[in-house]
């Protein structure tokens, strides 16, 4: 995949299980596989407390409600997660900025639309 510059997408599953840590998985991919990657979503809770996720592109929270979480409800990002989500969005933009000059300029000038 590296030789032909094939893009990759990694899906981290089972965040509702004991010991789930998506950030350790992302760090492992960066360190062991030498792939520059970033999250596009941030989980809201882990293990039995998993309630949903925050989409870092839209900067909106999506909660899993109803029977077995089948209903997805869009809401605002919880107040206690805004700083963390802004940090992770900046990480994502930093990774993407390596491939796009206009995004790189905005990243360097910190002209990125974040949640207040």
PDB file of N, CA and C in Angstrom:
ATOM      1  N   UNK A   1       0.815  -1.194   0.000  1.00  0.00           N
ATOM      2  CA  UNK A   1       0.000   0.000   0.000  1.00  0.00           C
ATOM      3  C   UNK A   1       0.859   1.259   0.000  1.00  0.00           C
ATOM      4  N   UNK A   2       1.968   1.208   0.729  1.00  0.00           N
ATOM      5  CA  UNK A   2       2.840   2.381   0.765  1.00  0.00           C
ATOM      6  C   UNK A   2       3.477   2.633  -0.593  1.00  0.00           C
ATOM      7  N   UNK A   3       3.898   1.565  -1.239  1.00  0.00           N
ATOM      8  CA  UNK A   3       4.593   1.705  -2.507  1.00  0.00           C
ATOM      9  C   UNK A   3       3.736   2.427  -3.543  1.00  0.00           C
ATOM     10  N   UNK A   4       2.441   2.149  -3.562  1.00  0.00           N
ATOM     11  CA  UNK A   4       1.543   2.748  -4.549  1.00  0.00           C
ATOM     12  C   UNK A   4       0.714   3.909  -3.983  1.00  0.00           C
ATOM     13  N   UNK A   5       1.032   4.353  -2.782  1.00  0.00           N
ATOM     14  CA  UNK A   5       0.340   5.470  -2.120  1.00  0.00           C
ATOM     15  C   UNK A   5      -1.175   5.277  -2.074  1.00  0.00           C
ATOM     16  N   UNK A   6      -1.591   4.098  -1.673  1.00  0.00           N
ATOM     17  CA  UNK A   6      -3.004   3.788  -1.563  1.00  0.00           C
ATOM     18  C   UNK A   6      -3.532   4.361  -0.242  1.00  0.00           C
ATOM     19  N   UNK A   7      -4.605   5.170  -0.296  1.00  0.00           N
ATOM     20  CA  UNK A   7      -5.167   5.710   0.940  1.00  0.00           C
ATOM     21  C   UNK A   7      -5.758   4.594   1.796  1.00  0.00           C
ATOM     22  N   UNK A   8      -5.757   4.807   3.095  1.00  0.00           N
ATOM     23  CA  UNK A   8      -6.255   3.794   4.019  1.00  0.00           C
ATOM     24  C   UNK A   8      -7.271   4.400   4.974  1.00  0.00           C
ATOM     25  N   UNK A   9      -8.220   3.583   5.384  1.00  0.00           N
ATOM     26  CA  UNK A   9      -9.209   3.958   6.369  1.00  0.00           C
ATOM     27  C   UNK A   9      -9.203   2.873   7.427  1.00  0.00           C
ATOM     28  N   UNK A  10      -9.076   3.276   8.664  1.00  0.00           N
ATOM     29  CA  UNK A  10      -9.062   2.318   9.767  1.00  0.00           C
ATOM     30  C   UNK A  10     -10.314   2.539  10.592  1.00  0.00           C
ATOM     31  N   UNK A  11     -11.052   1.479  10.835  1.00  0.00           N
ATOM     32  CA  UNK A  11     -12.267   1.542  11.620  1.00  0.00           C
ATOM     33  C   UNK A  11     -11.990   0.901  12.972  1.00  0.00           C
ATOM     34  N   UNK A  12     -12.126   1.670  14.044  1.00  0.00           N
ATOM     35  CA  UNK A  12     -11.921   1.145  15.397  1.00  0.00           C
ATOM     36  C   UNK A  12     -13.289   0.755  15.934  1.00  0.00           C
ATOM     37  N   UNK A  13     -13.455  -0.517  16.172  1.00  0.00           N
ATOM     38  CA  UNK A  13     -14.736  -1.087  16.546  1.00  0.00           C
ATOM     39  C   UNK A  13     -14.753  -1.472  18.019  1.00  0.00           C
ATOM     40  N   UNK A  14     -15.913  -1.758  18.529  1.00  0.00           N
ATOM     41  CA  UNK A  14     -16.127  -2.319  19.866  1.00  0.00           C
ATOM     42  C   UNK A  14     -15.693  -1.390  20.993  1.00  0.00           C
ATOM     43  N   UNK A  15     -16.023  -0.110  20.875  1.00  0.00           N
ATOM     44  CA  UNK A  15     -15.705   0.836  21.936  1.00  0.00           C
ATOM     45  C   UNK A  15     -16.576   0.633  23.167  1.00  0.00           C
ATOM     46  N   UNK A  16     -17.596  -0.207  23.043  1.00  0.00           N
ATOM     47  CA  UNK A  16     -18.450  -0.500  24.189  1.00  0.00           C
ATOM     48  C   UNK A  16     -17.901  -1.647  25.033  1.00  0.00           C
ATOM     49  N   UNK A  17     -16.745  -2.181  24.670  1.00  0.00           N
ATOM     50  CA  UNK A  17     -16.153  -3.310  25.391  1.00  0.00           C
ATOM     51  C   UNK A  17     -15.177  -2.836  26.451  1.00  0.00           C
ATOM     52  N   UNK A  18     -14.956  -3.670  27.441  1.00  0.00           N
ATOM     53  CA  UNK A  18     -14.052  -3.354  28.546  1.00  0.00           C
ATOM     54  C   UNK A  18     -12.634  -3.101  28.029  1.00  0.00           C
ATOM     55  N   UNK A  19     -12.020  -2.019  28.485  1.00  0.00           N
ATOM     56  CA  UNK A  19     -10.649  -1.694  28.107  1.00  0.00           C
ATOM     57  C   UNK A  19     -10.519  -0.960  26.785  1.00  0.00           C
ATOM     58  N   UNK A  20     -11.638  -0.526  26.208  1.00  0.00           N
ATOM     59  CA  UNK A  20     -11.604   0.164  24.916  1.00  0.00           C
ATOM     60  C   UNK A  20     -10.864   1.490  25.034  1.00  0.00           C
ATOM     61  N   UNK A  21      -9.926   1.729  24.115  1.00  0.00           N
ATOM     62  CA  UNK A  21      -9.161   2.976  24.098  1.00  0.00           C
ATOM     63  C   UNK A  21      -8.781   3.303  22.654  1.00  0.00           C
ATOM     64  N   UNK A  22      -9.595   4.111  21.970  1.00  0.00           N
ATOM     65  CA  UNK A  22      -9.302   4.404  20.569  1.00  0.00           C
ATOM     66  C   UNK A  22      -8.003   5.185  20.385  1.00  0.00           C
ATOM     67  N   UNK A  23      -7.619   5.975  21.361  1.00  0.00           N
ATOM     68  CA  UNK A  23      -6.408   6.804  21.234  1.00  0.00           C
ATOM     69  C   UNK A  23      -5.155   5.935  21.305  1.00  0.00           C
ATOM     70  N   UNK A  24      -5.202   4.853  22.055  1.00  0.00           N
ATOM     71  CA  UNK A  24      -4.080   3.911  22.070  1.00  0.00           C
ATOM     72  C   UNK A  24      -3.968   3.216  20.711  1.00  0.00           C
ATOM     73  N   UNK A  25      -5.116   2.926  20.098  1.00  0.00           N
ATOM     74  CA  UNK A  25      -5.105   2.300  18.772  1.00  0.00           C
ATOM     75  C   UNK A  25      -4.507   3.236  17.729  1.00  0.00           C
ATOM     76  N   UNK A  26      -4.877   4.500  17.781  1.00  0.00           N
ATOM     77  CA  UNK A  26      -4.338   5.479  16.826  1.00  0.00           C
ATOM     78  C   UNK A  26      -2.838   5.650  17.031  1.00  0.00           C
ATOM     79  N   UNK A  27      -2.405   5.718  18.293  1.00  0.00           N
ATOM     80  CA  UNK A  27      -0.965   5.820  18.575  1.00  0.00           C
ATOM     81  C   UNK A  27      -0.211   4.594  18.076  1.00  0.00           C
ATOM     82  N   UNK A  28      -0.814   3.408  18.228  1.00  0.00           N
ATOM     83  CA  UNK A  28      -0.168   2.180  17.760  1.00  0.00           C
ATOM     84  C   UNK A  28      -0.006   2.195  16.243  1.00  0.00           C
ATOM     85  N   UNK A  29      -1.014   2.676  15.526  1.00  0.00           N
ATOM     86  CA  UNK A  29      -0.923   2.756  14.069  1.00  0.00           C
ATOM     87  C   UNK A  29       0.186   3.721  13.675  1.00  0.00           C
ATOM     88  N   UNK A  30       0.244   4.850  14.361  1.00  0.00           N
ATOM     89  CA  UNK A  30       1.294   5.834  14.067  1.00  0.00           C
ATOM     90  C   UNK A  30       2.690   5.269  14.326  1.00  0.00           C
ATOM     91  N   UNK A  31       2.856   4.602  15.451  1.00  0.00           N
ATOM     92  CA  UNK A  31       4.185   4.119  15.847  1.00  0.00           C
ATOM     93  C   UNK A  31       4.603   2.823  15.162  1.00  0.00           C
ATOM     94  N   UNK A  32       3.720   1.847  15.145  1.00  0.00           N
ATOM     95  CA  UNK A  32       4.097   0.534  14.608  1.00  0.00           C
ATOM     96  C   UNK A  32       4.076   0.479  13.088  1.00  0.00           C
ATOM     97  N   UNK A  33       3.101   1.151  12.475  1.00  0.00           N
ATOM     98  CA  UNK A  33       2.977   1.088  11.022  1.00  0.00           C
ATOM     99  C   UNK A  33       3.555   2.313  10.322  1.00  0.00           C
ATOM    100  N   UNK A  34       3.962   3.301  11.100  1.00  0.00           N
ATOM    101  CA  UNK A  34       4.531   4.552  10.566  1.00  0.00           C
ATOM    102  C   UNK A  34       3.582   5.213   9.574  1.00  0.00           C
ATOM    103  N   UNK A  35       2.310   5.250   9.957  1.00  0.00           N
ATOM    104  CA  UNK A  35       1.278   5.886   9.135  1.00  0.00           C
ATOM    105  C   UNK A  35       0.784   7.117   9.877  1.00  0.00           C
ATOM    106  N   UNK A  36       0.784   8.249   9.198  1.00  0.00           N
ATOM    107  CA  UNK A  36       0.274   9.463   9.808  1.00  0.00           C
ATOM    108  C   UNK A  36      -1.242   9.438   9.712  1.00  0.00           C
ATOM    109  N   UNK A  37      -1.921   9.316  10.846  1.00  0.00           N
ATOM    110  CA  UNK A  37      -3.371   9.197  10.831  1.00  0.00           C
ATOM    111  C   UNK A  37      -3.982  10.082  11.915  1.00  0.00           C
ATOM    112  N   UNK A  38      -5.272  10.307  11.797  1.00  0.00           N
ATOM    113  CA  UNK A  38      -6.008  11.094  12.778  1.00  0.00           C
ATOM    114  C   UNK A  38      -7.449  10.597  12.826  1.00  0.00           C
ATOM    115  N   UNK A  39      -8.089  10.844  13.950  1.00  0.00           N
ATOM    116  CA  UNK A  39      -9.487  10.454  14.121  1.00  0.00           C
ATOM    117  C   UNK A  39     -10.396  11.438  13.404  1.00  0.00           C
ATOM    118  N   UNK A  40     -11.507  10.945  12.871  1.00  0.00           N
ATOM    119  CA  UNK A  40     -12.531  11.815  12.300  1.00  0.00           C
ATOM    120  C   UNK A  40     -13.747  11.878  13.224  1.00  0.00           C
ATOM    121  N   UNK A  41     -13.741  11.030  14.247  1.00  0.00           N
ATOM    122  CA  UNK A  41     -14.797  11.043  15.247  1.00  0.00           C
ATOM    123  C   UNK A  41     -14.189  10.854  16.625  1.00  0.00           C
ATOM    124  N   UNK A  42     -14.867  11.392  17.622  1.00  0.00           N
ATOM    125  CA  UNK A  42     -14.477  11.228  19.024  1.00  0.00           C
ATOM    126  C   UNK A  42     -15.643  10.560  19.728  1.00  0.00           C
ATOM    127  N   UNK A  43     -15.347   9.508  20.470  1.00  0.00           N
ATOM    128  CA  UNK A  43     -16.411   8.797  21.167  1.00  0.00           C
ATOM    129  C   UNK A  43     -16.882   9.584  22.388  1.00  0.00           C
ATOM    130  N   UNK A  44     -18.179   9.484  22.659  1.00  0.00           N
ATOM    131  CA  UNK A  44     -18.760  10.059  23.871  1.00  0.00           C
ATOM    132  C   UNK A  44     -18.942   8.909  24.839  1.00  0.00           C
ATOM    133  N   UNK A  45     -18.018   8.777  25.760  1.00  0.00           N
ATOM    134  CA  UNK A  45     -18.017   7.666  26.704  1.00  0.00           C
ATOM    135  C   UNK A  45     -17.325   6.448  26.117  1.00  0.00           C
ATOM    136  N   UNK A  46     -17.042   5.487  26.973  1.00  0.00           N
ATOM    137  CA  UNK A  46     -16.456   4.214  26.551  1.00  0.00           C
ATOM    138  C   UNK A  46     -17.098   3.100  27.369  1.00  0.00           C
ATOM    139  N   UNK A  47     -16.820   1.895  26.949  1.00  0.00           N
ATOM    140  CA  UNK A  47     -17.321   0.694  27.600  1.00  0.00           C
ATOM    141  C   UNK A  47     -18.832   0.783  27.775  1.00  0.00           C
ATOM    142  N   UNK A  48     -19.346   0.513  28.968  1.00  0.00           N
ATOM    143  CA  UNK A  48     -20.798   0.537  29.183  1.00  0.00           C
ATOM    144  C   UNK A  48     -21.372   1.947  29.116  1.00  0.00           C
ATOM    145  N   UNK A  49     -20.516   2.967  29.198  1.00  0.00           N
ATOM    146  CA  UNK A  49     -20.970   4.347  29.155  1.00  0.00           C
ATOM    147  C   UNK A  49     -20.946   4.962  27.768  1.00  0.00           C
ATOM    148  N   UNK A  50     -20.734   4.155  26.728  1.00  0.00           N
ATOM    149  CA  UNK A  50     -20.696   4.680  25.362  1.00  0.00           C
ATOM    150  C   UNK A  50     -22.084   5.185  24.977  1.00  0.00           C
ATOM    151  N   UNK A  51     -22.169   6.496  24.705  1.00  0.00           N
ATOM    152  CA  UNK A  51     -23.454   7.111  24.392  1.00  0.00           C
ATOM    153  C   UNK A  51     -23.567   7.528  22.930  1.00  0.00           C
ATOM    154  N   UNK A  52     -22.413   7.754  22.271  1.00  0.00           N
ATOM    155  CA  UNK A  52     -22.449   8.222  20.896  1.00  0.00           C
ATOM    156  C   UNK A  52     -21.072   8.673  20.466  1.00  0.00           C
ATOM    157  N   UNK A  53     -21.032   9.578  19.481  1.00  0.00           N
ATOM    158  CA  UNK A  53     -19.756  10.083  18.996  1.00  0.00           C
ATOM    159  C   UNK A  53     -19.914  11.513  18.484  1.00  0.00           C
ATOM    160  N   UNK A  54     -18.789  12.200  18.394  1.00  0.00           N
ATOM    161  CA  UNK A  54     -18.754  13.553  17.852  1.00  0.00           C
ATOM    162  C   UNK A  54     -18.083  13.483  16.498  1.00  0.00           C
ATOM    163  N   UNK A  55     -18.744  14.004  15.475  1.00  0.00           N
ATOM    164  CA  UNK A  55     -18.175  14.086  14.133  1.00  0.00           C
ATOM    165  C   UNK A  55     -17.303  15.341  14.097  1.00  0.00           C
ATOM    166  N   UNK A  56     -16.006  15.170  13.903  1.00  0.00           N
ATOM    167  CA  UNK A  56     -15.079  16.301  13.924  1.00  0.00           C
ATOM    168  C   UNK A  56     -15.171  17.168  12.672  1.00  0.00           C
ATOM    169  N   UNK A  57     -15.746  16.657  11.604  1.00  0.00           N
ATOM    170  CA  UNK A  57     -15.921  17.450  10.393  1.00  0.00           C
ATOM    171  C   UNK A  57     -17.107  18.401  10.568  1.00  0.00           C
ATOM    172  N   UNK A  58     -18.234  17.865  11.012  1.00  0.00           N
ATOM    173  CA  UNK A  58     -19.431  18.681  11.233  1.00  0.00           C
ATOM    174  C   UNK A  58     -19.424  19.386  12.586  1.00  0.00           C
ATOM    175  N   UNK A  59     -18.619  18.879  13.512  1.00  0.00           N
ATOM    176  CA  UNK A  59     -18.585  19.348  14.902  1.00  0.00           C
ATOM    177  C   UNK A  59     -19.984  19.269  15.516  1.00  0.00           C
ATOM    178  N   UNK A  60     -20.569  18.095  15.381  1.00  0.00           N
ATOM    179  CA  UNK A  60     -21.874  17.779  15.963  1.00  0.00           C
ATOM    180  C   UNK A  60     -21.769  16.445  16.682  1.00  0.00           C
ATOM    181  N   UNK A  61     -22.569  16.296  17.732  1.00  0.00           N
ATOM    182  CA  UNK A  61     -22.616  15.042  18.473  1.00  0.00           C
ATOM    183  C   UNK A  61     -23.758  14.184  17.945  1.00  0.00           C
ATOM    184  N   UNK A  62     -23.519  12.888  17.866  1.00  0.00           N
ATOM    185  CA  UNK A  62     -24.539  11.933  17.446  1.00  0.00           C
ATOM    186  C   UNK A  62     -24.687  10.900  18.556  1.00  0.00           C
ATOM    187  N   UNK A  63     -25.891  10.817  19.115  1.00  0.00           N
ATOM    188  CA  UNK A  63     -26.163   9.906  20.220  1.00  0.00           C
ATOM    189  C   UNK A  63     -26.921   8.694  19.714  1.00  0.00           C
ATOM    190  N   UNK A  64     -26.580   7.535  20.301  1.00  0.00           N
ATOM    191  CA  UNK A  64     -27.245   6.284  19.969  1.00  0.00           C
ATOM    192  C   UNK A  64     -28.382   6.094  20.976  1.00  0.00           C
ATOM    193  N   UNK A  65     -29.610   6.202  20.532  1.00  0.00           N
ATOM    194  CA  UNK A  65     -30.757   6.087  21.428  1.00  0.00           C
ATOM    195  C   UNK A  65     -31.687   4.987  20.944  1.00  0.00           C
ATOM    196  N   UNK A  66     -32.681   4.673  21.747  1.00  0.00           N
ATOM    197  CA  UNK A  66     -33.650   3.642  21.385  1.00  0.00           C
ATOM    198  C   UNK A  66     -33.120   2.245  21.659  1.00  0.00           C
ATOM    199  N   UNK A  67     -33.820   1.240  21.147  1.00  0.00           N
ATOM    200  CA  UNK A  67     -33.434  -0.156  21.345  1.00  0.00           C
ATOM    201  C   UNK A  67     -32.068  -0.425  20.730  1.00  0.00           C
ATOM    202  N   UNK A  68     -31.128  -0.852  21.538  1.00  0.00           N
ATOM    203  CA  UNK A  68     -29.766  -1.204  21.102  1.00  0.00           C
ATOM    204  C   UNK A  68     -29.078  -0.076  20.344  1.00  0.00           C
ATOM    205  N   UNK A  69     -29.472   1.178  20.601  1.00  0.00           N
ATOM    206  CA  UNK A  69     -28.820   2.324  19.970  1.00  0.00           C
ATOM    207  C   UNK A  69     -29.134   2.478  18.493  1.00  0.00           C
ATOM    208  N   UNK A  70     -30.264   1.987  18.054  1.00  0.00           N
ATOM    209  CA  UNK A  70     -30.606   2.020  16.627  1.00  0.00           C
ATOM    210  C   UNK A  70     -31.002   3.399  16.122  1.00  0.00           C
ATOM    211  N   UNK A  71     -31.474   4.246  17.023  1.00  0.00           N
ATOM    212  CA  UNK A  71     -31.878   5.599  16.629  1.00  0.00           C
ATOM    213  C   UNK A  71     -30.697   6.542  16.857  1.00  0.00           C
ATOM    214  N   UNK A  72     -30.321   7.279  15.823  1.00  0.00           N
ATOM    215  CA  UNK A  72     -29.198   8.213  15.925  1.00  0.00           C
ATOM    216  C   UNK A  72     -29.761   9.626  15.962  1.00  0.00           C
ATOM    217  N   UNK A  73     -29.436  10.344  17.037  1.00  0.00           N
ATOM    218  CA  UNK A  73     -29.969  11.678  17.250  1.00  0.00           C
ATOM    219  C   UNK A  73     -28.820  12.680  17.246  1.00  0.00           C
ATOM    220  N   UNK A  74     -28.946  13.719  16.401  1.00  0.00           N
ATOM    221  CA  UNK A  74     -27.914  14.758  16.312  1.00  0.00           C
ATOM    222  C   UNK A  74     -28.179  15.835  17.365  1.00  0.00           C
ATOM    223  N   UNK A  75     -27.111  16.177  18.118  1.00  0.00           N
ATOM    224  CA  UNK A  75     -27.212  17.208  19.155  1.00  0.00           C
ATOM    225  C   UNK A  75     -25.931  18.026  19.149  1.00  0.00           C
ATOM    226  N   UNK A  76     -25.872  18.988  20.034  1.00  0.00           N
ATOM    227  CA  UNK A  76     -24.655  19.782  20.205  1.00  0.00           C
ATOM    228  C   UNK A  76     -23.630  18.977  21.002  1.00  0.00           C
ATOM    229  N   UNK A  77     -22.371  19.334  20.853  1.00  0.00           N
ATOM    230  CA  UNK A  77     -21.294  18.672  21.584  1.00  0.00           C
ATOM    231  C   UNK A  77     -21.420  19.011  23.069  1.00  0.00           C
ATOM    232  N   UNK A  78     -21.279  18.020  23.952  1.00  0.00           N
ATOM    233  CA  UNK A  78     -21.341  18.307  25.388  1.00  0.00           C
ATOM    234  C   UNK A  78     -20.258  19.319  25.789  1.00  0.00           C
ATOM    235  N   UNK A  79     -20.599  20.207  26.694  1.00  0.00           N
ATOM    236  CA  UNK A  79     -19.681  21.270  27.133  1.00  0.00           C
ATOM    237  C   UNK A  79     -18.338  20.719  27.597  1.00  0.00           C
ATOM    238  N   UNK A  80     -18.361  19.604  28.321  1.00  0.00           N
ATOM    239  CA  UNK A  80     -17.116  19.062  28.870  1.00  0.00           C
ATOM    240  C   UNK A  80     -16.208  18.433  27.808  1.00  0.00           C
ATOM    241  N   UNK A  81     -16.682  18.334  26.565  1.00  0.00           N
ATOM    242  CA  UNK A  81     -15.883  17.721  25.496  1.00  0.00           C
ATOM    243  C   UNK A  81     -15.423  18.702  24.428  1.00  0.00           C
ATOM    244  N   UNK A  82     -15.859  19.944  24.489  1.00  0.00           N
ATOM    245  CA  UNK A  82     -15.573  20.904  23.420  1.00  0.00           C
ATOM    246  C   UNK A  82     -14.076  21.118  23.228  1.00  0.00           C
ATOM    247  N   UNK A  83     -13.329  21.334  24.315  1.00  0.00           N
ATOM    248  CA  UNK A  83     -11.881  21.564  24.193  1.00  0.00           C
ATOM    249  C   UNK A  83     -11.173  20.349  23.602  1.00  0.00           C
ATOM    250  N   UNK A  84     -11.552  19.163  24.070  1.00  0.00           N
ATOM    251  CA  UNK A  84     -10.938  17.931  23.568  1.00  0.00           C
ATOM    252  C   UNK A  84     -11.249  17.743  22.086  1.00  0.00           C
ATOM    253  N   UNK A  85     -12.489  18.006  21.687  1.00  0.00           N
ATOM    254  CA  UNK A  85     -12.885  17.870  20.278  1.00  0.00           C
ATOM    255  C   UNK A  85     -12.163  18.891  19.410  1.00  0.00           C
ATOM    256  N   UNK A  86     -12.004  20.112  19.902  1.00  0.00           N
ATOM    257  CA  UNK A  86     -11.245  21.117  19.157  1.00  0.00           C
ATOM    258  C   UNK A  86      -9.794  20.683  18.971  1.00  0.00           C
ATOM    259  N   UNK A  87      -9.216  20.087  20.001  1.00  0.00           N
ATOM    260  CA  UNK A  87      -7.835  19.584  19.918  1.00  0.00           C
ATOM    261  C   UNK A  87      -7.716  18.471  18.873  1.00  0.00           C
ATOM    262  N   UNK A  88      -8.667  17.551  18.887  1.00  0.00           N
ATOM    263  CA  UNK A  88      -8.640  16.438  17.929  1.00  0.00           C
ATOM    264  C   UNK A  88      -8.933  16.907  16.507  1.00  0.00           C
ATOM    265  N   UNK A  89      -9.775  17.936  16.368  1.00  0.00           N
ATOM    266  CA  UNK A  89     -10.034  18.487  15.040  1.00  0.00           C
ATOM    267  C   UNK A  89      -8.772  19.148  14.495  1.00  0.00           C
ATOM    268  N   UNK A  90      -8.035  19.839  15.359  1.00  0.00           N
ATOM    269  CA  UNK A  90      -6.776  20.445  14.949  1.00  0.00           C
ATOM    270  C   UNK A  90      -5.775  19.376  14.516  1.00  0.00           C
ATOM    271  N   UNK A  91      -5.751  18.238  15.231  1.00  0.00           N
ATOM    272  CA  UNK A  91      -4.896  17.106  14.823  1.00  0.00           C
ATOM    273  C   UNK A  91      -5.286  16.619  13.427  1.00  0.00           C
ATOM    274  N   UNK A  92      -6.585  16.471  13.199  1.00  0.00           N
ATOM    275  CA  UNK A  92      -7.085  16.004  11.901  1.00  0.00           C
ATOM    276  C   UNK A  92      -6.694  16.978  10.798  1.00  0.00           C
ATOM    277  N   UNK A  93      -6.885  18.247  11.036  1.00  0.00           N
ATOM    278  CA  UNK A  93      -6.554  19.255  10.031  1.00  0.00           C
ATOM    279  C   UNK A  93      -5.054  19.290   9.788  1.00  0.00           C
ATOM    280  N   UNK A  94      -4.261  19.087  10.842  1.00  0.00           N
ATOM    281  CA  UNK A  94      -2.810  19.036  10.682  1.00  0.00           C
ATOM    282  C   UNK A  94      -2.370  17.906   9.771  1.00  0.00           C
ATOM    283  N   UNK A  95      -2.999  16.739   9.918  1.00  0.00           N
ATOM    284  CA  UNK A  95      -2.682  15.594   9.056  1.00  0.00           C
ATOM    285  C   UNK A  95      -3.110  15.885   7.619  1.00  0.00           C
ATOM    286  N   UNK A  96      -4.299  16.451   7.454  1.00  0.00           N
ATOM    287  CA  UNK A  96      -4.802  16.754   6.115  1.00  0.00           C
ATOM    288  C   UNK A  96      -4.020  17.881   5.446  1.00  0.00           C
ATOM    289  N   UNK A  97      -3.500  18.799   6.256  1.00  0.00           N
ATOM    290  CA  UNK A  97      -2.763  19.947   5.712  1.00  0.00           C
ATOM    291  C   UNK A  97      -1.493  19.524   4.985  1.00  0.00           C
ATOM    292  N   UNK A  98      -0.994  18.350   5.281  1.00  0.00           N
ATOM    293  CA  UNK A  98       0.193  17.844   4.592  1.00  0.00           C
ATOM    294  C   UNK A  98      -0.079  17.586   3.107  1.00  0.00           C
ATOM    295  N   UNK A  99      -1.357  17.486   2.740  1.00  0.00           N
ATOM    296  CA  UNK A  99      -1.720  17.137   1.370  1.00  0.00           C
ATOM    297  C   UNK A  99      -2.418  18.261   0.613  1.00  0.00           C
ATOM    298  N   UNK A 100      -2.669  19.390   1.259  1.00  0.00           N
ATOM    299  CA  UNK A 100      -3.399  20.485   0.622  1.00  0.00           C
ATOM    300  C   UNK A 100      -2.801  21.811   1.059  1.00  0.00           C
ATOM    301  N   UNK A 101      -2.303  22.597   0.100  1.00  0.00           N
ATOM    302  CA  UNK A 101      -1.608  23.841   0.428  1.00  0.00           C
ATOM    303  C   UNK A 101      -2.522  24.885   1.059  1.00  0.00           C
ATOM    304  N   UNK A 102      -3.751  25.029   0.569  1.00  0.00           N
ATOM    305  CA  UNK A 102      -4.646  26.035   1.134  1.00  0.00           C
ATOM    306  C   UNK A 102      -5.043  25.686   2.560  1.00  0.00           C
ATOM    307  N   UNK A 103      -5.242  24.412   2.817  1.00  0.00           N
ATOM    308  CA  UNK A 103      -5.547  23.966   4.175  1.00  0.00           C
ATOM    309  C   UNK A 103      -4.336  24.149   5.076  1.00  0.00           C
ATOM    310  N   UNK A 104      -3.156  23.923   4.525  1.00  0.00           N
ATOM    311  CA  UNK A 104      -1.931  24.116   5.293  1.00  0.00           C
ATOM    312  C   UNK A 104      -1.783  25.588   5.708  1.00  0.00           C
ATOM    313  N   UNK A 105      -2.089  26.515   4.788  1.00  0.00           N
ATOM    314  CA  UNK A 105      -2.024  27.942   5.109  1.00  0.00           C
ATOM    315  C   UNK A 105      -2.985  28.284   6.239  1.00  0.00           C
ATOM    316  N   UNK A 106      -4.219  27.808   6.132  1.00  0.00           N
ATOM    317  CA  UNK A 106      -5.216  28.079   7.164  1.00  0.00           C
ATOM    318  C   UNK A 106      -4.782  27.481   8.498  1.00  0.00           C
ATOM    319  N   UNK A 107      -4.176  26.302   8.446  1.00  0.00           N
ATOM    320  CA  UNK A 107      -3.706  25.635   9.660  1.00  0.00           C
ATOM    321  C   UNK A 107      -2.586  26.437  10.307  1.00  0.00           C
ATOM    322  N   UNK A 108      -1.656  26.915   9.503  1.00  0.00           N
ATOM    323  CA  UNK A 108      -0.529  27.688  10.024  1.00  0.00           C
ATOM    324  C   UNK A 108      -0.989  29.030  10.608  1.00  0.00           C
ATOM    325  N   UNK A 109      -2.005  29.602  10.002  1.00  0.00           N
ATOM    326  CA  UNK A 109      -2.528  30.880  10.487  1.00  0.00           C
ATOM    327  C   UNK A 109      -3.599  30.686  11.552  1.00  0.00           C
ATOM    328  N   UNK A 110      -3.876  29.442  11.891  1.00  0.00           N
ATOM    329  CA  UNK A 110      -4.910  29.081  12.860  1.00  0.00           C
ATOM    330  C   UNK A 110      -6.247  29.696  12.492  1.00  0.00           C
ATOM    331  N   UNK A 111      -6.543  29.707  11.203  1.00  0.00           N
ATOM    332  CA  UNK A 111      -7.796  30.245  10.681  1.00  0.00           C
ATOM    333  C   UNK A 111      -8.773  29.088  10.463  1.00  0.00           C
ATOM    334  N   UNK A 112      -8.934  28.269  11.482  1.00  0.00           N
ATOM    335  CA  UNK A 112      -9.776  27.089  11.395  1.00  0.00           C
ATOM    336  C   UNK A 112     -11.035  27.323  12.213  1.00  0.00           C
ATOM    337  N   UNK A 113     -12.186  27.003  11.640  1.00  0.00           N
ATOM    338  CA  UNK A 113     -13.462  27.187  12.319  1.00  0.00           C
ATOM    339  C   UNK A 113     -13.623  26.136  13.405  1.00  0.00           C
ATOM    340  N   UNK A 114     -13.589  26.563  14.649  1.00  0.00           N
ATOM    341  CA  UNK A 114     -13.722  25.649  15.782  1.00  0.00           C
ATOM    342  C   UNK A 114     -15.010  25.977  16.540  1.00  0.00           C
ATOM    343  N   UNK A 115     -15.361  25.124  17.471  1.00  0.00           N
ATOM    344  CA  UNK A 115     -16.551  25.331  18.299  1.00  0.00           C
ATOM    345  C   UNK A 115     -16.130  26.154  19.513  1.00  0.00           C
ATOM    346  N   UNK A 116     -16.919  27.157  19.862  1.00  0.00           N
ATOM    347  CA  UNK A 116     -16.622  27.970  21.050  1.00  0.00           C
ATOM    348  C   UNK A 116     -17.389  27.477  22.250  1.00  0.00           C
TER     349      UNK A 116
END
